[in-house]
């Protein structure tokens, strides 16, 4: 049965919004945006419903179901320039009465003066760029997709081990940071200690990073705070990584280990923001080389991703051996 892990995972969703001014600040350089902030800078973009309908985030000129961000390039300008005054008045009414908060005029084009005045009076910001409409829409979707993604904060240490995004979890004091330090010393990379933040960037892409105030640092009991970048170099730090595997460290009660399944080990799955992540439970006990165990778990996970399951291969070999033995009898 999948673990719930409500004690370690703090999900925050649906309330994130981004101001139009923030969009300009973040994309100004990459798109060469021009903006005279006369109106609309304080407006925010995010999950919005209008008349019971979810409003799309980014789209090209649409006055039937206007998105929150409209991209108007050369084809759209040619269309607007070709309509008569009556049609134009209807289009303006539809555009300004919907949920549109931002218009990006691309391809080095310019809006007709009456359209610009209508946007200004309605509090709709207008950015201009020489970039193509396709590039503008792509950059807007990419930025807003990350900024507005559902997010999750986890108590644990997030690393890249053998190309896998590995999350170490467990109770406080169980040895997560010490194990992380050993793995870093073996050549693996730290993403975040203590409170890695994960964002759902795609249907199965739970992408994790480090809060800025914790970047590069690892707390190890007895040693205090360590600057991993300064100690091990740039290669020891990974900025972001997709989560692929969770390893939960447990300290056995009364020093007695629960016997795991000898064939499959202690494996389960965990649901995080709707994404199913494999989870392995490893006991913390004297004589256990956890660094080697974690690396072996990651290598086995890579094989499983390729369809090679050692437990199934072993069981199939034993079954064949028993069948051959029975046929000989």
C-alpha atoms as a PDB file:
ATOM      1  CA  UNK A   1       0.000   0.000   0.000  1.00  0.00           C
ATOM      2  CA  UNK A   2       1.462   3.417  -0.874  1.00  0.00           C
ATOM      3  CA  UNK A   3       2.818   5.419   2.043  1.00  0.00           C
ATOM      4  CA  UNK A   4       1.056   8.648   2.830  1.00  0.00           C
ATOM      5  CA  UNK A   5       3.890  10.506   4.552  1.00  0.00           C
ATOM      6  CA  UNK A   6       1.671  13.321   5.799  1.00  0.00           C
ATOM      7  CA  UNK A   7       4.149  14.030   8.582  1.00  0.00           C
ATOM      8  CA  UNK A   8       6.998  14.848   6.168  1.00  0.00           C
ATOM      9  CA  UNK A   9       5.252  16.513   3.236  1.00  0.00           C
ATOM     10  CA  UNK A  10       3.654  19.971   3.299  1.00  0.00           C
ATOM     11  CA  UNK A  11       1.766  20.657   0.076  1.00  0.00           C
ATOM     12  CA  UNK A  12       0.788  24.199  -0.928  1.00  0.00           C
ATOM     13  CA  UNK A  13      -1.285  24.581  -4.084  1.00  0.00           C
ATOM     14  CA  UNK A  14      -3.732  26.740  -6.032  1.00  0.00           C
ATOM     15  CA  UNK A  15      -3.016  30.075  -4.376  1.00  0.00           C
ATOM     16  CA  UNK A  16       0.146  31.072  -6.229  1.00  0.00           C
ATOM     17  CA  UNK A  17      -0.114  34.141  -8.438  1.00  0.00           C
ATOM     18  CA  UNK A  18       2.405  36.224 -10.386  1.00  0.00           C
ATOM     19  CA  UNK A  19       2.172  39.947 -11.005  1.00  0.00           C
ATOM     20  CA  UNK A  20       2.375  41.363 -14.516  1.00  0.00           C
ATOM     21  CA  UNK A  21       5.288  43.502 -13.358  1.00  0.00           C
ATOM     22  CA  UNK A  22       7.158  40.334 -12.300  1.00  0.00           C
ATOM     23  CA  UNK A  23       6.609  38.842 -15.759  1.00  0.00           C
ATOM     24  CA  UNK A  24       8.188  41.939 -17.304  1.00  0.00           C
ATOM     25  CA  UNK A  25      11.137  41.851 -14.909  1.00  0.00           C
ATOM     26  CA  UNK A  26      11.886  38.172 -15.542  1.00  0.00           C
ATOM     27  CA  UNK A  27      11.426  38.178 -19.331  1.00  0.00           C
ATOM     28  CA  UNK A  28      12.637  41.664 -20.220  1.00  0.00           C
ATOM     29  CA  UNK A  29      16.146  40.563 -21.163  1.00  0.00           C
ATOM     30  CA  UNK A  30      15.298  37.291 -22.962  1.00  0.00           C
ATOM     31  CA  UNK A  31      12.522  38.813 -25.096  1.00  0.00           C
ATOM     32  CA  UNK A  32      13.764  42.414 -25.309  1.00  0.00           C
ATOM     33  CA  UNK A  33      10.465  43.653 -23.887  1.00  0.00           C
ATOM     34  CA  UNK A  34       9.428  47.283 -24.023  1.00  0.00           C
ATOM     35  CA  UNK A  35       6.761  48.579 -21.647  1.00  0.00           C
ATOM     36  CA  UNK A  36       5.564  51.960 -20.488  1.00  0.00           C
ATOM     37  CA  UNK A  37       3.966  50.936 -17.186  1.00  0.00           C
ATOM     38  CA  UNK A  38       0.944  53.197 -17.412  1.00  0.00           C
ATOM     39  CA  UNK A  39      -1.516  50.480 -16.415  1.00  0.00           C
ATOM     40  CA  UNK A  40      -1.830  46.877 -15.366  1.00  0.00           C
ATOM     41  CA  UNK A  41       1.471  46.311 -13.570  1.00  0.00           C
ATOM     42  CA  UNK A  42      -0.172  45.311 -10.289  1.00  0.00           C
ATOM     43  CA  UNK A  43      -2.568  42.834 -11.941  1.00  0.00           C
ATOM     44  CA  UNK A  44      -1.844  39.187 -11.167  1.00  0.00           C
ATOM     45  CA  UNK A  45      -1.919  35.980 -13.213  1.00  0.00           C
ATOM     46  CA  UNK A  46      -2.901  32.597 -11.837  1.00  0.00           C
ATOM     47  CA  UNK A  47      -5.693  30.059 -11.562  1.00  0.00           C
ATOM     48  CA  UNK A  48      -8.832  31.925 -12.684  1.00  0.00           C
ATOM     49  CA  UNK A  49     -12.391  30.939 -13.457  1.00  0.00           C
ATOM     50  CA  UNK A  50     -14.900  33.103 -15.308  1.00  0.00           C
ATOM     51  CA  UNK A  51     -18.578  32.143 -15.498  1.00  0.00           C
ATOM     52  CA  UNK A  52     -17.644  28.674 -14.272  1.00  0.00           C
ATOM     53  CA  UNK A  53     -15.013  28.206 -16.994  1.00  0.00           C
ATOM     54  CA  UNK A  54     -11.295  27.859 -16.419  1.00  0.00           C
ATOM     55  CA  UNK A  55      -9.476  30.705 -18.131  1.00  0.00           C
ATOM     56  CA  UNK A  56      -6.399  29.640 -20.179  1.00  0.00           C
ATOM     57  CA  UNK A  57      -3.077  31.202 -19.243  1.00  0.00           C
ATOM     58  CA  UNK A  58      -1.351  32.056 -22.554  1.00  0.00           C
ATOM     59  CA  UNK A  59      -2.744  32.116 -26.072  1.00  0.00           C
ATOM     60  CA  UNK A  60      -2.788  33.989 -29.350  1.00  0.00           C
ATOM     61  CA  UNK A  61      -5.451  36.600 -30.140  1.00  0.00           C
ATOM     62  CA  UNK A  62      -8.754  35.154 -28.924  1.00  0.00           C
ATOM     63  CA  UNK A  63     -11.805  37.329 -28.295  1.00  0.00           C
ATOM     64  CA  UNK A  64     -14.261  34.425 -27.890  1.00  0.00           C
ATOM     65  CA  UNK A  65     -12.528  32.810 -24.878  1.00  0.00           C
ATOM     66  CA  UNK A  66      -9.803  35.352 -24.030  1.00  0.00           C
ATOM     67  CA  UNK A  67      -6.775  33.938 -22.168  1.00  0.00           C
ATOM     68  CA  UNK A  68      -5.081  35.832 -19.339  1.00  0.00           C
ATOM     69  CA  UNK A  69      -2.107  36.616 -21.589  1.00  0.00           C
ATOM     70  CA  UNK A  70      -2.729  37.378 -25.273  1.00  0.00           C
ATOM     71  CA  UNK A  71       0.102  37.201 -27.807  1.00  0.00           C
ATOM     72  CA  UNK A  72      -0.518  39.366 -30.869  1.00  0.00           C
ATOM     73  CA  UNK A  73       1.968  38.952 -33.705  1.00  0.00           C
ATOM     74  CA  UNK A  74       2.082  39.837 -37.379  1.00  0.00           C
ATOM     75  CA  UNK A  75      -0.834  37.579 -38.481  1.00  0.00           C
ATOM     76  CA  UNK A  76      -3.076  38.890 -35.702  1.00  0.00           C
ATOM     77  CA  UNK A  77      -2.178  42.525 -36.444  1.00  0.00           C
ATOM     78  CA  UNK A  78      -2.996  41.951 -40.138  1.00  0.00           C
ATOM     79  CA  UNK A  79      -6.399  40.591 -39.109  1.00  0.00           C
ATOM     80  CA  UNK A  80      -7.131  43.527 -36.790  1.00  0.00           C
ATOM     81  CA  UNK A  81      -6.071  46.032 -39.428  1.00  0.00           C
ATOM     82  CA  UNK A  82      -8.503  44.457 -41.888  1.00  0.00           C
ATOM     83  CA  UNK A  83     -11.733  44.562 -39.839  1.00  0.00           C
ATOM     84  CA  UNK A  84     -14.234  47.387 -40.105  1.00  0.00           C
ATOM     85  CA  UNK A  85     -15.057  49.763 -37.241  1.00  0.00           C
ATOM     86  CA  UNK A  86     -18.110  47.799 -36.128  1.00  0.00           C
ATOM     87  CA  UNK A  87     -16.221  44.521 -35.902  1.00  0.00           C
ATOM     88  CA  UNK A  88     -13.304  46.225 -34.175  1.00  0.00           C
ATOM     89  CA  UNK A  89     -15.594  47.689 -31.516  1.00  0.00           C
ATOM     90  CA  UNK A  90     -17.001  44.210 -30.836  1.00  0.00           C
ATOM     91  CA  UNK A  91     -13.501  42.704 -30.598  1.00  0.00           C
ATOM     92  CA  UNK A  92     -12.342  45.425 -28.198  1.00  0.00           C
ATOM     93  CA  UNK A  93     -15.405  44.901 -26.017  1.00  0.00           C
ATOM     94  CA  UNK A  94     -14.768  41.161 -25.841  1.00  0.00           C
ATOM     95  CA  UNK A  95     -11.062  41.556 -25.121  1.00  0.00           C
ATOM     96  CA  UNK A  96     -11.494  44.104 -22.340  1.00  0.00           C
ATOM     97  CA  UNK A  97     -14.491  42.415 -20.689  1.00  0.00           C
ATOM     98  CA  UNK A  98     -12.757  39.050 -20.183  1.00  0.00           C
ATOM     99  CA  UNK A  99      -9.943  37.892 -17.906  1.00  0.00           C
ATOM    100  CA  UNK A 100      -7.078  39.220 -20.042  1.00  0.00           C
ATOM    101  CA  UNK A 101      -4.486  41.034 -17.902  1.00  0.00           C
ATOM    102  CA  UNK A 102      -1.558  41.242 -20.321  1.00  0.00           C
ATOM    103  CA  UNK A 103      -1.093  41.658 -24.062  1.00  0.00           C
ATOM    104  CA  UNK A 104       2.284  40.994 -25.696  1.00  0.00           C
ATOM    105  CA  UNK A 105       2.651  42.553 -29.148  1.00  0.00           C
ATOM    106  CA  UNK A 106       5.317  40.554 -30.999  1.00  0.00           C
ATOM    107  CA  UNK A 107       7.119  40.600 -34.361  1.00  0.00           C
ATOM    108  CA  UNK A 108       7.956  44.299 -33.917  1.00  0.00           C
ATOM    109  CA  UNK A 109       4.332  45.219 -34.628  1.00  0.00           C
ATOM    110  CA  UNK A 110       2.222  48.055 -33.179  1.00  0.00           C
ATOM    111  CA  UNK A 111      -1.401  48.131 -32.080  1.00  0.00           C
ATOM    112  CA  UNK A 112      -3.964  50.450 -33.598  1.00  0.00           C
ATOM    113  CA  UNK A 113      -4.315  53.501 -31.400  1.00  0.00           C
ATOM    114  CA  UNK A 114      -7.955  52.843 -30.473  1.00  0.00           C
ATOM    115  CA  UNK A 115      -7.076  49.329 -29.308  1.00  0.00           C
ATOM    116  CA  UNK A 116      -4.191  50.578 -27.180  1.00  0.00           C
ATOM    117  CA  UNK A 117      -6.377  53.256 -25.572  1.00  0.00           C
ATOM    118  CA  UNK A 118      -8.990  50.618 -24.752  1.00  0.00           C
ATOM    119  CA  UNK A 119      -6.385  48.395 -23.113  1.00  0.00           C
ATOM    120  CA  UNK A 120      -4.973  51.302 -21.091  1.00  0.00           C
ATOM    121  CA  UNK A 121      -8.404  52.368 -19.861  1.00  0.00           C
ATOM    122  CA  UNK A 122      -9.219  48.757 -18.886  1.00  0.00           C
ATOM    123  CA  UNK A 123      -5.998  48.287 -16.915  1.00  0.00           C
ATOM    124  CA  UNK A 124      -4.508  45.772 -19.364  1.00  0.00           C
ATOM    125  CA  UNK A 125      -0.714  45.992 -19.648  1.00  0.00           C
ATOM    126  CA  UNK A 126       0.815  45.986 -23.139  1.00  0.00           C
ATOM    127  CA  UNK A 127       4.362  44.690 -23.708  1.00  0.00           C
ATOM    128  CA  UNK A 128       6.110  45.064 -27.070  1.00  0.00           C
ATOM    129  CA  UNK A 129       8.906  42.913 -28.487  1.00  0.00           C
ATOM    130  CA  UNK A 130      10.710  42.320 -31.767  1.00  0.00           C
ATOM    131  CA  UNK A 131      10.757  38.588 -31.001  1.00  0.00           C
ATOM    132  CA  UNK A 132       8.418  36.312 -32.928  1.00  0.00           C
ATOM    133  CA  UNK A 133       4.988  35.528 -31.570  1.00  0.00           C
ATOM    134  CA  UNK A 134       5.970  31.855 -31.296  1.00  0.00           C
ATOM    135  CA  UNK A 135       9.052  32.651 -29.202  1.00  0.00           C
ATOM    136  CA  UNK A 136       7.128  35.076 -26.987  1.00  0.00           C
ATOM    137  CA  UNK A 137       4.379  32.523 -26.333  1.00  0.00           C
ATOM    138  CA  UNK A 138       6.940  29.790 -25.603  1.00  0.00           C
ATOM    139  CA  UNK A 139       8.859  31.921 -23.107  1.00  0.00           C
ATOM    140  CA  UNK A 140       5.673  33.085 -21.397  1.00  0.00           C
ATOM    141  CA  UNK A 141       4.345  29.532 -21.030  1.00  0.00           C
ATOM    142  CA  UNK A 142       7.682  28.267 -19.741  1.00  0.00           C
ATOM    143  CA  UNK A 143       8.066  31.007 -17.138  1.00  0.00           C
ATOM    144  CA  UNK A 144       4.462  30.999 -15.942  1.00  0.00           C
ATOM    145  CA  UNK A 145       4.336  27.199 -15.924  1.00  0.00           C
ATOM    146  CA  UNK A 146       7.204  27.116 -13.439  1.00  0.00           C
ATOM    147  CA  UNK A 147       6.141  30.151 -11.404  1.00  0.00           C
ATOM    148  CA  UNK A 148       2.561  28.914 -10.964  1.00  0.00           C
ATOM    149  CA  UNK A 149       3.281  25.191 -10.638  1.00  0.00           C
ATOM    150  CA  UNK A 150       1.884  23.229  -7.714  1.00  0.00           C
ATOM    151  CA  UNK A 151       4.622  22.996  -5.101  1.00  0.00           C
ATOM    152  CA  UNK A 152       5.673  20.726  -2.296  1.00  0.00           C
ATOM    153  CA  UNK A 153       8.176  21.243   0.530  1.00  0.00           C
ATOM    154  CA  UNK A 154       9.787  18.157   2.027  1.00  0.00           C
ATOM    155  CA  UNK A 155      11.844  17.459   5.141  1.00  0.00           C
ATOM    156  CA  UNK A 156      14.896  15.611   3.844  1.00  0.00           C
ATOM    157  CA  UNK A 157      18.020  15.821   1.699  1.00  0.00           C
ATOM    158  CA  UNK A 158      17.795  15.873  -2.103  1.00  0.00           C
ATOM    159  CA  UNK A 159      20.764  14.696  -4.173  1.00  0.00           C
ATOM    160  CA  UNK A 160      21.727  13.501  -7.618  1.00  0.00           C
ATOM    161  CA  UNK A 161      23.125   9.982  -7.346  1.00  0.00           C
ATOM    162  CA  UNK A 162      24.128   8.144 -10.522  1.00  0.00           C
ATOM    163  CA  UNK A 163      21.970  10.544 -12.574  1.00  0.00           C
ATOM    164  CA  UNK A 164      18.889   9.848 -10.394  1.00  0.00           C
ATOM    165  CA  UNK A 165      17.153  12.520  -8.347  1.00  0.00           C
ATOM    166  CA  UNK A 166      17.283  10.879  -4.896  1.00  0.00           C
ATOM    167  CA  UNK A 167      15.385  12.114  -1.847  1.00  0.00           C
ATOM    168  CA  UNK A 168      16.574  10.901   1.574  1.00  0.00           C
ATOM    169  CA  UNK A 169      13.820  11.080   4.192  1.00  0.00           C
ATOM    170  CA  UNK A 170      13.416   9.893   7.763  1.00  0.00           C
ATOM    171  CA  UNK A 171      12.958  11.146  11.290  1.00  0.00           C
ATOM    172  CA  UNK A 172      15.148  13.939  12.607  1.00  0.00           C
ATOM    173  CA  UNK A 173      18.515  12.632  13.757  1.00  0.00           C
ATOM    174  CA  UNK A 174      18.332   9.365  11.814  1.00  0.00           C
ATOM    175  CA  UNK A 175      21.456  10.239   9.799  1.00  0.00           C
ATOM    176  CA  UNK A 176      20.237  11.758   6.530  1.00  0.00           C
ATOM    177  CA  UNK A 177      22.846  14.536   6.426  1.00  0.00           C
ATOM    178  CA  UNK A 178      25.722  12.240   7.384  1.00  0.00           C
ATOM    179  CA  UNK A 179      24.725   9.850   4.615  1.00  0.00           C
ATOM    180  CA  UNK A 180      24.403  12.758   2.187  1.00  0.00           C
ATOM    181  CA  UNK A 181      27.927  13.923   3.098  1.00  0.00           C
ATOM    182  CA  UNK A 182      29.290  10.427   2.449  1.00  0.00           C
ATOM    183  CA  UNK A 183      27.556  10.332  -0.948  1.00  0.00           C
ATOM    184  CA  UNK A 184      28.928  13.768  -1.867  1.00  0.00           C
ATOM    185  CA  UNK A 185      32.403  12.570  -0.861  1.00  0.00           C
ATOM    186  CA  UNK A 186      31.870   9.656  -3.274  1.00  0.00           C
ATOM    187  CA  UNK A 187      31.326  12.101  -6.135  1.00  0.00           C
ATOM    188  CA  UNK A 188      27.557  12.586  -6.094  1.00  0.00           C
ATOM    189  CA  UNK A 189      25.872  15.998  -6.005  1.00  0.00           C
ATOM    190  CA  UNK A 190      23.827  17.970  -3.490  1.00  0.00           C
ATOM    191  CA  UNK A 191      20.641  19.693  -4.609  1.00  0.00           C
ATOM    192  CA  UNK A 192      19.099  20.766  -1.291  1.00  0.00           C
ATOM    193  CA  UNK A 193      19.346  20.027   2.412  1.00  0.00           C
ATOM    194  CA  UNK A 194      16.584  20.180   5.025  1.00  0.00           C
ATOM    195  CA  UNK A 195      13.738  21.662   2.946  1.00  0.00           C
ATOM    196  CA  UNK A 196      13.943  20.877  -0.786  1.00  0.00           C
ATOM    197  CA  UNK A 197      11.132  22.437  -2.808  1.00  0.00           C
ATOM    198  CA  UNK A 198       9.442  20.447  -5.583  1.00  0.00           C
ATOM    199  CA  UNK A 199       7.298  21.820  -8.400  1.00  0.00           C
ATOM    200  CA  UNK A 200       5.072  19.849 -10.757  1.00  0.00           C
ATOM    201  CA  UNK A 201       6.370  21.040 -14.146  1.00  0.00           C
ATOM    202  CA  UNK A 202       4.777  18.277 -16.217  1.00  0.00           C
ATOM    203  CA  UNK A 203       2.497  15.256 -15.875  1.00  0.00           C
ATOM    204  CA  UNK A 204       5.344  13.160 -14.389  1.00  0.00           C
ATOM    205  CA  UNK A 205       8.001  15.821 -13.817  1.00  0.00           C
ATOM    206  CA  UNK A 206       8.348  16.550 -10.100  1.00  0.00           C
ATOM    207  CA  UNK A 207      11.309  18.905 -10.280  1.00  0.00           C
ATOM    208  CA  UNK A 208      13.181  19.821  -7.111  1.00  0.00           C
ATOM    209  CA  UNK A 209      15.478  22.636  -6.098  1.00  0.00           C
ATOM    210  CA  UNK A 210      16.847  24.460  -3.093  1.00  0.00           C
ATOM    211  CA  UNK A 211      15.468  27.576  -1.367  1.00  0.00           C
ATOM    212  CA  UNK A 212      17.931  30.434  -2.027  1.00  0.00           C
ATOM    213  CA  UNK A 213      18.800  30.900   1.660  1.00  0.00           C
ATOM    214  CA  UNK A 214      19.914  27.250   1.941  1.00  0.00           C
ATOM    215  CA  UNK A 215      21.774  26.979  -1.376  1.00  0.00           C
ATOM    216  CA  UNK A 216      25.148  25.144  -1.131  1.00  0.00           C
ATOM    217  CA  UNK A 217      24.848  24.379   2.600  1.00  0.00           C
ATOM    218  CA  UNK A 218      24.521  21.072   4.457  1.00  0.00           C
ATOM    219  CA  UNK A 219      24.031  20.738   8.216  1.00  0.00           C
ATOM    220  CA  UNK A 220      25.829  17.761   9.762  1.00  0.00           C
ATOM    221  CA  UNK A 221      25.451  16.972  13.448  1.00  0.00           C
ATOM    222  CA  UNK A 222      28.714  17.577  15.266  1.00  0.00           C
ATOM    223  CA  UNK A 223      30.193  19.608  12.401  1.00  0.00           C
ATOM    224  CA  UNK A 224      27.525  22.282  12.030  1.00  0.00           C
ATOM    225  CA  UNK A 225      26.930  24.032   8.721  1.00  0.00           C
ATOM    226  CA  UNK A 226      29.180  23.032   5.818  1.00  0.00           C
ATOM    227  CA  UNK A 227      29.587  24.935   2.547  1.00  0.00           C
ATOM    228  CA  UNK A 228      29.579  22.051   0.077  1.00  0.00           C
ATOM    229  CA  UNK A 229      30.420  24.225  -2.929  1.00  0.00           C
ATOM    230  CA  UNK A 230      33.498  25.654  -1.183  1.00  0.00           C
ATOM    231  CA  UNK A 231      34.621  22.254   0.148  1.00  0.00           C
ATOM    232  CA  UNK A 232      34.050  20.055  -2.905  1.00  0.00           C
ATOM    233  CA  UNK A 233      33.818  22.499  -5.828  1.00  0.00           C
ATOM    234  CA  UNK A 234      31.163  23.472  -8.350  1.00  0.00           C
ATOM    235  CA  UNK A 235      30.688  19.885  -9.521  1.00  0.00           C
ATOM    236  CA  UNK A 236      29.314  18.887  -6.101  1.00  0.00           C
ATOM    237  CA  UNK A 237      26.221  21.098  -6.530  1.00  0.00           C
ATOM    238  CA  UNK A 238      23.227  20.460  -8.775  1.00  0.00           C
ATOM    239  CA  UNK A 239      20.786  23.342  -9.180  1.00  0.00           C
ATOM    240  CA  UNK A 240      17.642  21.336  -9.991  1.00  0.00           C
ATOM    241  CA  UNK A 241      16.746  17.707 -10.615  1.00  0.00           C
ATOM    242  CA  UNK A 242      13.688  15.606 -11.383  1.00  0.00           C
ATOM    243  CA  UNK A 243      12.743  13.365  -8.461  1.00  0.00           C
ATOM    244  CA  UNK A 244      13.101   9.686  -9.338  1.00  0.00           C
ATOM    245  CA  UNK A 245      13.517   7.732  -6.106  1.00  0.00           C
ATOM    246  CA  UNK A 246      12.871   8.126  -2.375  1.00  0.00           C
ATOM    247  CA  UNK A 247      14.918   6.295   0.256  1.00  0.00           C
ATOM    248  CA  UNK A 248      13.442   6.383   3.747  1.00  0.00           C
ATOM    249  CA  UNK A 249      15.837   5.757   6.608  1.00  0.00           C
ATOM    250  CA  UNK A 250      14.369   4.113   9.722  1.00  0.00           C
ATOM    251  CA  UNK A 251      15.911   3.308  13.068  1.00  0.00           C
ATOM    252  CA  UNK A 252      14.610  -0.086  14.293  1.00  0.00           C
ATOM    253  CA  UNK A 253      12.677  -0.039  17.560  1.00  0.00           C
ATOM    254  CA  UNK A 254      14.489  -1.690  20.490  1.00  0.00           C
ATOM    255  CA  UNK A 255      17.339  -2.504  18.119  1.00  0.00           C
ATOM    256  CA  UNK A 256      15.303  -5.216  16.402  1.00  0.00           C
ATOM    257  CA  UNK A 257      14.953  -5.081  12.614  1.00  0.00           C
ATOM    258  CA  UNK A 258      11.702  -6.027  10.946  1.00  0.00           C
ATOM    259  CA  UNK A 259      12.442  -8.768   8.444  1.00  0.00           C
ATOM    260  CA  UNK A 260      11.925  -7.390   4.908  1.00  0.00           C
ATOM    261  CA  UNK A 261      10.848  -9.513   1.983  1.00  0.00           C
ATOM    262  CA  UNK A 262      14.007 -11.410   1.091  1.00  0.00           C
ATOM    263  CA  UNK A 263      13.121 -11.352  -2.603  1.00  0.00           C
ATOM    264  CA  UNK A 264      11.879  -7.820  -3.238  1.00  0.00           C
ATOM    265  CA  UNK A 265      13.199  -5.869  -0.235  1.00  0.00           C
ATOM    266  CA  UNK A 266      11.240  -3.075   1.458  1.00  0.00           C
ATOM    267  CA  UNK A 267       9.681  -1.354  -1.520  1.00  0.00           C
ATOM    268  CA  UNK A 268       6.565   0.734  -1.883  1.00  0.00           C
ATOM    269  CA  UNK A 269       5.451   3.878  -3.712  1.00  0.00           C
ATOM    270  CA  UNK A 270       4.522   7.370  -2.624  1.00  0.00           C
ATOM    271  CA  UNK A 271       2.111   9.774  -4.299  1.00  0.00           C
ATOM    272  CA  UNK A 272       3.451  13.345  -4.461  1.00  0.00           C
ATOM    273  CA  UNK A 273       1.287  15.902  -6.275  1.00  0.00           C
ATOM    274  CA  UNK A 274      -0.250  13.042  -8.214  1.00  0.00           C
ATOM    275  CA  UNK A 275       3.093  11.581  -9.329  1.00  0.00           C
ATOM    276  CA  UNK A 276       3.961   8.036  -8.234  1.00  0.00           C
ATOM    277  CA  UNK A 277       7.526   7.823  -6.881  1.00  0.00           C
ATOM    278  CA  UNK A 278       9.222   4.516  -5.923  1.00  0.00           C
ATOM    279  CA  UNK A 279      10.276   4.359  -2.275  1.00  0.00           C
ATOM    280  CA  UNK A 280      12.746   2.026  -0.557  1.00  0.00           C
ATOM    281  CA  UNK A 281      13.063   1.692   3.214  1.00  0.00           C
ATOM    282  CA  UNK A 282      16.554   1.097   4.586  1.00  0.00           C
ATOM    283  CA  UNK A 283      17.202   0.351   8.270  1.00  0.00           C
ATOM    284  CA  UNK A 284      19.912   2.310  10.065  1.00  0.00           C
ATOM    285  CA  UNK A 285      21.958  -0.153  12.093  1.00  0.00           C
ATOM    286  CA  UNK A 286      25.543  -0.821  13.136  1.00  0.00           C
ATOM    287  CA  UNK A 287      27.514  -2.507  10.371  1.00  0.00           C
ATOM    288  CA  UNK A 288      25.285  -1.260   7.556  1.00  0.00           C
ATOM    289  CA  UNK A 289      27.265   0.651   4.932  1.00  0.00           C
ATOM    290  CA  UNK A 290      24.452   2.974   3.885  1.00  0.00           C
ATOM    291  CA  UNK A 291      26.496   4.705   1.186  1.00  0.00           C
ATOM    292  CA  UNK A 292      27.036   1.409  -0.648  1.00  0.00           C
ATOM    293  CA  UNK A 293      23.398   0.405  -0.106  1.00  0.00           C
ATOM    294  CA  UNK A 294      22.113   3.678  -1.546  1.00  0.00           C
ATOM    295  CA  UNK A 295      24.345   3.419  -4.614  1.00  0.00           C
ATOM    296  CA  UNK A 296      23.206  -0.177  -5.121  1.00  0.00           C
ATOM    297  CA  UNK A 297      19.573   0.920  -4.790  1.00  0.00           C
ATOM    298  CA  UNK A 298      20.107   3.587  -7.450  1.00  0.00           C
ATOM    299  CA  UNK A 299      21.835   1.153  -9.822  1.00  0.00           C
ATOM    300  CA  UNK A 300      18.985  -1.319  -9.345  1.00  0.00           C
ATOM    301  CA  UNK A 301      16.470   1.482  -9.962  1.00  0.00           C
ATOM    302  CA  UNK A 302      18.183   2.282 -13.270  1.00  0.00           C
ATOM    303  CA  UNK A 303      17.912  -1.375 -14.266  1.00  0.00           C
ATOM    304  CA  UNK A 304      14.214  -1.423 -13.325  1.00  0.00           C
ATOM    305  CA  UNK A 305      13.635   1.636 -15.494  1.00  0.00           C
ATOM    306  CA  UNK A 306      15.034  -0.457 -18.371  1.00  0.00           C
ATOM    307  CA  UNK A 307      12.674  -3.331 -17.557  1.00  0.00           C
ATOM    308  CA  UNK A 308      15.240  -5.489 -15.732  1.00  0.00           C
ATOM    309  CA  UNK A 309      13.878  -6.665 -12.366  1.00  0.00           C
ATOM    310  CA  UNK A 310      16.424  -8.770 -10.501  1.00  0.00           C
ATOM    311  CA  UNK A 311      13.833 -10.349  -8.190  1.00  0.00           C
ATOM    312  CA  UNK A 312      11.708 -11.480 -11.152  1.00  0.00           C
ATOM    313  CA  UNK A 313      14.780 -12.779 -13.002  1.00  0.00           C
ATOM    314  CA  UNK A 314      15.854 -14.737  -9.919  1.00  0.00           C
ATOM    315  CA  UNK A 315      12.357 -16.204  -9.392  1.00  0.00           C
ATOM    316  CA  UNK A 316      12.116 -17.165 -13.081  1.00  0.00           C
ATOM    317  CA  UNK A 317      15.507 -18.924 -12.912  1.00  0.00           C
ATOM    318  CA  UNK A 318      14.459 -20.906  -9.820  1.00  0.00           C
ATOM    319  CA  UNK A 319      11.187 -21.906 -11.467  1.00  0.00           C
ATOM    320  CA  UNK A 320      13.008 -23.121 -14.572  1.00  0.00           C
ATOM    321  CA  UNK A 321      15.427 -25.110 -12.401  1.00  0.00           C
ATOM    322  CA  UNK A 322      12.548 -26.758 -10.529  1.00  0.00           C
ATOM    323  CA  UNK A 323      10.774 -27.596 -13.803  1.00  0.00           C
ATOM    324  CA  UNK A 324      13.937 -29.150 -15.216  1.00  0.00           C
ATOM    325  CA  UNK A 325      14.434 -31.131 -12.017  1.00  0.00           C
ATOM    326  CA  UNK A 326      10.847 -32.370 -12.114  1.00  0.00           C
ATOM    327  CA  UNK A 327      11.173 -33.416 -15.764  1.00  0.00           C
ATOM    328  CA  UNK A 328      14.306 -35.417 -14.976  1.00  0.00           C
ATOM    329  CA  UNK A 329      12.463 -37.306 -12.226  1.00  0.00           C
END
